[in-house]
Amino acid sequence: MTQPRKRVVDEVAPLINVMLRAEILMKAAVTYERLPTEYGFIGNCQRVKFYVQEARPRIAEELEIAPRELAGVHRSRGTPGLMNGPGEGAGIDFDLRAGSGSAAVGARPAAPRGRT
């Protein structure tokens, strides 16, 4: 019987688990950024994201954190830097009427930062 193939992220999985136990809502990208600088990890960011997505619910259960407290953690809520609130993100309009022959694309500028 063959052994399952070892993933590169398995080398740092215990470190990721410790990070998640300390801050369960830490973004996977932030976790990834810390790994090369602090621990010399040379793996792929996407692999870390997949591992965090798999590990976070398990660790949350160990810490007795309700699933509803993790709601939305794995989903993007817009492009960072372009979203300040509802309806304030970048927008693209496509003119796809029959016979138009092309798509007209226009972007709405992001709202200024620092509003209160």
N, C-alpha and C. Protein backbone atom coordinates (compact mmCIF):
# COMPACT_ATOMS: atom_id res chain seq x y z
N MET A 1 0.84 -1.19 0.00
CA MET A 1 0.00 0.00 0.00
C MET A 1 0.89 1.25 0.00
N THR A 2 0.55 2.22 -0.83
CA THR A 2 1.36 3.43 -0.93
C THR A 2 0.92 4.46 0.11
N GLN A 3 1.89 5.21 0.58
CA GLN A 3 1.63 6.27 1.54
C GLN A 3 1.05 7.48 0.80
N PRO A 4 0.14 8.23 1.43
CA PRO A 4 -0.34 9.45 0.78
C PRO A 4 0.82 10.43 0.60
N ARG A 5 0.76 11.15 -0.47
CA ARG A 5 1.82 12.11 -0.79
C ARG A 5 1.83 13.23 0.25
N LYS A 6 3.00 13.55 0.77
CA LYS A 6 3.14 14.60 1.77
C LYS A 6 3.05 15.97 1.09
N ARG A 7 2.26 16.85 1.67
CA ARG A 7 2.12 18.20 1.14
C ARG A 7 3.20 19.11 1.74
N VAL A 8 3.63 20.09 0.99
CA VAL A 8 4.63 21.04 1.48
C VAL A 8 4.10 21.77 2.71
N VAL A 9 2.83 22.08 2.71
CA VAL A 9 2.23 22.81 3.83
C VAL A 9 2.21 21.97 5.11
N ASP A 10 2.31 20.64 4.98
CA ASP A 10 2.33 19.78 6.16
C ASP A 10 3.52 20.09 7.07
N GLU A 11 4.61 20.59 6.49
CA GLU A 11 5.79 20.94 7.28
C GLU A 11 5.51 22.08 8.25
N VAL A 12 4.63 23.00 7.87
CA VAL A 12 4.33 24.16 8.72
C VAL A 12 2.94 24.10 9.33
N ALA A 13 2.23 23.01 9.11
CA ALA A 13 0.87 22.86 9.65
C ALA A 13 0.81 23.09 11.16
N PRO A 14 1.74 22.54 11.94
CA PRO A 14 1.68 22.81 13.38
C PRO A 14 1.83 24.29 13.71
N LEU A 15 2.66 25.01 12.95
CA LEU A 15 2.81 26.46 13.17
C LEU A 15 1.52 27.20 12.82
N ILE A 16 0.90 26.81 11.71
CA ILE A 16 -0.37 27.44 11.31
C ILE A 16 -1.42 27.18 12.37
N ASN A 17 -1.46 25.96 12.89
CA ASN A 17 -2.43 25.64 13.94
C ASN A 17 -2.24 26.52 15.16
N VAL A 18 -0.99 26.75 15.55
CA VAL A 18 -0.71 27.62 16.70
C VAL A 18 -1.18 29.04 16.41
N MET A 19 -0.92 29.53 15.20
CA MET A 19 -1.36 30.88 14.82
C MET A 19 -2.88 30.99 14.88
N LEU A 20 -3.57 29.96 14.38
CA LEU A 20 -5.03 29.99 14.39
C LEU A 20 -5.58 29.90 15.81
N ARG A 21 -4.93 29.12 16.65
CA ARG A 21 -5.39 29.03 18.04
C ARG A 21 -5.24 30.38 18.74
N ALA A 22 -4.20 31.12 18.39
CA ALA A 22 -3.97 32.43 19.00
C ALA A 22 -4.93 33.48 18.44
N GLU A 23 -5.25 33.37 17.15
CA GLU A 23 -6.14 34.35 16.50
C GLU A 23 -6.93 33.63 15.41
N ILE A 24 -8.07 33.08 15.79
CA ILE A 24 -8.85 32.20 14.90
C ILE A 24 -9.32 32.90 13.63
N LEU A 25 -9.48 34.21 13.66
CA LEU A 25 -9.97 34.94 12.48
C LEU A 25 -8.84 35.50 11.62
N MET A 26 -7.60 35.14 11.92
CA MET A 26 -6.47 35.62 11.11
C MET A 26 -6.65 35.16 9.67
N LYS A 27 -6.49 36.08 8.75
CA LYS A 27 -6.61 35.77 7.32
C LYS A 27 -5.48 34.84 6.90
N ALA A 28 -5.80 33.94 5.98
CA ALA A 28 -4.80 32.99 5.49
C ALA A 28 -3.64 33.71 4.82
N ALA A 29 -3.91 34.82 4.14
CA ALA A 29 -2.84 35.58 3.48
C ALA A 29 -1.86 36.14 4.50
N VAL A 30 -2.37 36.59 5.64
CA VAL A 30 -1.51 37.11 6.71
C VAL A 30 -0.67 35.97 7.28
N THR A 31 -1.31 34.83 7.47
CA THR A 31 -0.60 33.65 7.95
C THR A 31 0.53 33.32 6.99
N TYR A 32 0.23 33.30 5.70
CA TYR A 32 1.24 33.00 4.69
C TYR A 32 2.40 33.99 4.73
N GLU A 33 2.09 35.28 4.86
CA GLU A 33 3.13 36.31 4.89
C GLU A 33 4.12 36.10 6.03
N ARG A 34 3.62 35.59 7.15
CA ARG A 34 4.49 35.37 8.31
C ARG A 34 5.39 34.14 8.13
N LEU A 35 4.93 33.15 7.40
CA LEU A 35 5.68 31.89 7.29
C LEU A 35 7.05 32.04 6.64
N PRO A 36 7.19 32.70 5.48
CA PRO A 36 8.53 32.82 4.89
C PRO A 36 9.47 33.69 5.72
N THR A 37 8.96 34.81 6.22
CA THR A 37 9.82 35.74 6.93
C THR A 37 10.25 35.21 8.30
N GLU A 38 9.33 34.56 9.00
CA GLU A 38 9.63 34.10 10.36
C GLU A 38 10.10 32.65 10.43
N TYR A 39 9.73 31.83 9.43
CA TYR A 39 10.02 30.40 9.52
C TYR A 39 10.68 29.81 8.27
N GLY A 40 10.95 30.64 7.26
CA GLY A 40 11.65 30.17 6.07
C GLY A 40 10.83 29.29 5.15
N PHE A 41 9.52 29.33 5.25
CA PHE A 41 8.64 28.52 4.40
C PHE A 41 8.74 28.99 2.96
N ILE A 42 8.85 28.04 2.01
CA ILE A 42 8.99 28.41 0.60
C ILE A 42 7.81 27.92 -0.23
N GLY A 43 6.74 27.53 0.42
CA GLY A 43 5.58 27.01 -0.30
C GLY A 43 4.70 28.09 -0.90
N ASN A 44 3.60 27.64 -1.48
CA ASN A 44 2.67 28.47 -2.22
C ASN A 44 1.59 29.04 -1.30
N CYS A 45 1.21 30.29 -1.50
CA CYS A 45 0.17 30.94 -0.71
C CYS A 45 -1.16 30.20 -0.83
N GLN A 46 -1.49 29.74 -2.02
CA GLN A 46 -2.76 29.05 -2.23
C GLN A 46 -2.85 27.77 -1.38
N ARG A 47 -1.74 27.07 -1.23
CA ARG A 47 -1.72 25.86 -0.40
C ARG A 47 -1.99 26.20 1.06
N VAL A 48 -1.43 27.31 1.51
CA VAL A 48 -1.68 27.75 2.89
C VAL A 48 -3.14 28.11 3.05
N LYS A 49 -3.71 28.78 2.06
CA LYS A 49 -5.14 29.14 2.12
C LYS A 49 -6.01 27.89 2.20
N PHE A 50 -5.70 26.88 1.39
CA PHE A 50 -6.47 25.64 1.44
C PHE A 50 -6.35 24.98 2.80
N TYR A 51 -5.14 24.97 3.35
CA TYR A 51 -4.95 24.34 4.65
C TYR A 51 -5.71 25.10 5.74
N VAL A 52 -5.62 26.43 5.74
CA VAL A 52 -6.33 27.24 6.74
C VAL A 52 -7.84 27.01 6.63
N GLN A 53 -8.35 26.94 5.41
CA GLN A 53 -9.77 26.71 5.21
C GLN A 53 -10.19 25.36 5.80
N GLU A 54 -9.31 24.38 5.70
CA GLU A 54 -9.59 23.05 6.25
C GLU A 54 -9.40 23.03 7.77
N ALA A 55 -8.40 23.73 8.29
CA ALA A 55 -8.05 23.66 9.71
C ALA A 55 -8.89 24.56 10.60
N ARG A 56 -9.31 25.71 10.10
CA ARG A 56 -10.01 26.68 10.95
C ARG A 56 -11.25 26.11 11.63
N PRO A 57 -12.15 25.42 10.91
CA PRO A 57 -13.33 24.87 11.59
C PRO A 57 -12.97 23.83 12.66
N ARG A 58 -11.97 23.03 12.39
CA ARG A 58 -11.53 22.02 13.36
C ARG A 58 -11.00 22.68 14.62
N ILE A 59 -10.16 23.69 14.46
CA ILE A 59 -9.58 24.39 15.60
C ILE A 59 -10.65 25.19 16.34
N ALA A 60 -11.57 25.80 15.59
CA ALA A 60 -12.67 26.53 16.23
C ALA A 60 -13.49 25.59 17.11
N GLU A 61 -13.73 24.39 16.63
CA GLU A 61 -14.47 23.41 17.42
C GLU A 61 -13.70 23.05 18.69
N GLU A 62 -12.38 22.86 18.57
CA GLU A 62 -11.55 22.57 19.74
C GLU A 62 -11.63 23.70 20.76
N LEU A 63 -11.70 24.95 20.27
CA LEU A 63 -11.76 26.13 21.14
C LEU A 63 -13.19 26.47 21.56
N GLU A 64 -14.13 25.64 21.13
CA GLU A 64 -15.56 25.83 21.42
C GLU A 64 -16.08 27.18 20.91
N ILE A 65 -15.66 27.50 19.70
CA ILE A 65 -16.14 28.71 19.02
C ILE A 65 -17.23 28.27 18.06
N ALA A 66 -18.37 28.94 18.12
CA ALA A 66 -19.52 28.58 17.29
C ALA A 66 -19.24 28.86 15.82
N PRO A 67 -19.73 27.99 14.92
CA PRO A 67 -19.52 28.20 13.47
C PRO A 67 -20.02 29.56 12.99
N ARG A 68 -21.09 30.08 13.60
CA ARG A 68 -21.62 31.38 13.15
C ARG A 68 -20.62 32.51 13.38
N GLU A 69 -19.69 32.32 14.33
CA GLU A 69 -18.67 33.34 14.57
C GLU A 69 -17.61 33.35 13.48
N LEU A 70 -17.57 32.28 12.68
CA LEU A 70 -16.62 32.20 11.58
C LEU A 70 -17.26 32.54 10.24
N ALA A 71 -18.54 32.83 10.23
CA ALA A 71 -19.27 33.07 8.99
C ALA A 71 -18.61 34.17 8.17
N GLY A 72 -18.37 33.86 6.89
CA GLY A 72 -17.82 34.85 5.96
C GLY A 72 -16.31 34.95 5.96
N VAL A 73 -15.61 34.21 6.82
CA VAL A 73 -14.16 34.32 6.89
C VAL A 73 -13.49 33.88 5.60
N HIS A 74 -14.04 32.88 4.91
CA HIS A 74 -13.40 32.33 3.72
C HIS A 74 -13.84 32.98 2.43
N ARG A 75 -14.67 33.98 2.50
CA ARG A 75 -15.18 34.61 1.28
C ARG A 75 -14.70 36.04 1.19
N SER A 76 -14.30 36.42 0.00
CA SER A 76 -13.87 37.79 -0.25
C SER A 76 -15.08 38.71 -0.20
N ARG A 77 -14.91 39.87 0.37
CA ARG A 77 -15.99 40.85 0.42
C ARG A 77 -15.63 42.07 -0.40
N GLY A 78 -15.01 41.85 -1.53
CA GLY A 78 -14.65 42.96 -2.39
C GLY A 78 -13.14 43.05 -2.52
N THR A 79 -12.72 44.00 -3.31
CA THR A 79 -11.31 44.20 -3.54
C THR A 79 -10.75 45.11 -2.46
N PRO A 80 -9.73 44.67 -1.71
CA PRO A 80 -9.17 45.53 -0.67
C PRO A 80 -8.73 46.86 -1.25
N GLY A 81 -9.04 47.92 -0.55
CA GLY A 81 -8.66 49.24 -1.02
C GLY A 81 -9.72 49.89 -1.89
N LEU A 82 -10.65 49.11 -2.42
CA LEU A 82 -11.68 49.69 -3.28
C LEU A 82 -13.04 49.72 -2.59
N MET A 83 -13.18 49.00 -1.51
CA MET A 83 -14.48 48.93 -0.84
C MET A 83 -14.42 49.71 0.48
N ASN A 84 -15.29 50.67 0.63
CA ASN A 84 -15.39 51.40 1.89
C ASN A 84 -16.73 51.17 2.55
N GLY A 85 -17.70 50.77 1.81
CA GLY A 85 -19.03 50.53 2.33
C GLY A 85 -19.91 50.02 1.22
N PRO A 86 -21.17 49.75 1.53
CA PRO A 86 -22.08 49.23 0.50
C PRO A 86 -22.18 50.16 -0.70
N GLY A 87 -22.01 49.62 -1.89
CA GLY A 87 -22.18 50.40 -3.11
C GLY A 87 -21.02 51.31 -3.46
N GLU A 88 -19.90 51.20 -2.75
CA GLU A 88 -18.79 52.11 -2.99
C GLU A 88 -17.61 51.45 -3.68
N GLY A 89 -17.79 50.26 -4.19
CA GLY A 89 -16.68 49.55 -4.84
C GLY A 89 -16.58 49.90 -6.31
N ALA A 90 -15.58 49.32 -6.95
CA ALA A 90 -15.41 49.51 -8.38
C ALA A 90 -16.58 48.88 -9.12
N GLY A 91 -17.03 49.50 -10.17
CA GLY A 91 -18.14 48.96 -10.94
C GLY A 91 -17.79 48.92 -12.42
N ILE A 92 -18.30 47.94 -13.11
CA ILE A 92 -18.07 47.82 -14.54
C ILE A 92 -19.41 47.65 -15.21
N ASP A 93 -19.65 48.43 -16.25
CA ASP A 93 -20.90 48.34 -16.99
C ASP A 93 -20.61 47.77 -18.37
N PHE A 94 -21.38 46.77 -18.75
CA PHE A 94 -21.23 46.16 -20.07
C PHE A 94 -22.48 46.47 -20.89
N ASP A 95 -22.27 46.97 -22.10
CA ASP A 95 -23.37 47.24 -23.00
C ASP A 95 -23.44 46.06 -23.97
N LEU A 96 -24.30 45.12 -23.67
CA LEU A 96 -24.37 43.90 -24.47
C LEU A 96 -25.71 43.79 -25.20
N ARG A 97 -26.28 44.94 -25.58
CA ARG A 97 -27.54 44.91 -26.31
C ARG A 97 -27.34 44.25 -27.66
N ALA A 98 -28.37 43.60 -28.11
CA ALA A 98 -28.30 42.92 -29.42
C ALA A 98 -27.91 43.92 -30.49
N GLY A 99 -26.92 43.57 -31.29
CA GLY A 99 -26.51 44.41 -32.41
C GLY A 99 -25.51 45.49 -32.06
N SER A 100 -25.15 45.62 -30.78
CA SER A 100 -24.22 46.69 -30.42
C SER A 100 -22.81 46.39 -30.94
N GLY A 101 -22.48 45.10 -31.04
CA GLY A 101 -21.19 44.72 -31.61
C GLY A 101 -20.01 44.80 -30.67
N SER A 102 -20.15 45.49 -29.56
CA SER A 102 -19.03 45.56 -28.62
C SER A 102 -19.55 45.83 -27.22
N ALA A 103 -18.67 45.66 -26.29
CA ALA A 103 -19.02 45.93 -24.90
C ALA A 103 -18.39 47.26 -24.49
N ALA A 104 -19.18 48.14 -23.93
CA ALA A 104 -18.65 49.40 -23.42
C ALA A 104 -18.32 49.18 -21.95
N VAL A 105 -17.09 49.42 -21.60
CA VAL A 105 -16.66 49.17 -20.23
C VAL A 105 -16.27 50.49 -19.60
N GLY A 106 -16.78 50.74 -18.42
CA GLY A 106 -16.42 51.95 -17.68
C GLY A 106 -16.30 51.61 -16.21
N ALA A 107 -15.33 52.14 -15.55
CA ALA A 107 -15.14 51.86 -14.12
C ALA A 107 -15.51 53.09 -13.32
N ARG A 108 -16.21 52.85 -12.25
CA ARG A 108 -16.58 53.89 -11.31
C ARG A 108 -15.41 54.07 -10.34
N PRO A 109 -14.95 55.26 -10.07
CA PRO A 109 -13.84 55.43 -9.13
C PRO A 109 -14.26 55.07 -7.71
N ALA A 110 -13.33 54.61 -6.93
CA ALA A 110 -13.60 54.29 -5.53
C ALA A 110 -13.84 55.56 -4.76
N ALA A 111 -14.64 55.46 -3.72
CA ALA A 111 -14.92 56.60 -2.86
C ALA A 111 -13.66 56.98 -2.08
N PRO A 112 -13.52 58.23 -1.71
CA PRO A 112 -12.34 58.63 -0.95
C PRO A 112 -12.27 57.92 0.41
N ARG A 113 -11.07 57.64 0.84
CA ARG A 113 -10.87 56.98 2.13
C ARG A 113 -10.99 57.99 3.26
N GLY A 114 -11.18 57.44 4.44
CA GLY A 114 -11.14 58.28 5.63
C GLY A 114 -12.46 58.92 6.00
N ARG A 115 -13.53 58.49 5.37
CA ARG A 115 -14.83 59.04 5.74
C ARG A 115 -15.25 58.47 7.08
N THR A 116 -15.98 59.26 7.85
CA THR A 116 -16.50 58.77 9.13
C THR A 116 -17.99 58.78 9.14
